[in-house]
């Protein structure tokens, strides 16, 4: 039994959408790190399996984009996912560990941004009730509707 996998399954069970995105990024990075290790061992089958799983995870992230509500951010993420998938496919064919390391770095940058969004949402949810009520009242005031 893989303890990392078990942790992710439990964490994902009750996670909000932002947490799920963070977990998917973590999985993709873990897959790529395993692919690097397999490459170093000369384990072509393992490298291929882990790269394919990373591609699957990135494909899932891309498929879950809300292009209607996401606007420019969703369009930028779509381009980012296409670029990562293209680079991973090239790295597989060229057997280029440096390319894998570069994609890990890029994925970690975006992961960190999602992680920050998640922390901000948690902080907003743990703000004192009086502050939340005041913010809710301000957001729902008729003056804001015409904004």
Foldseek 3Di string as FASTA:
>chain_A
DDPVVVVLVVQPPPDDPLVVLLSLLVLLLVLLVQLLVCLVVVNLVSNVVSLVVSLVSLVVVLVPQPCVVCPPVNVVSNVVSVVLNVLSVVCSVVVPSVSSVVSSVVSVVVSVVSVVVVVVVVCLVPPDPVVVVVVVCVCPDPVNVVD
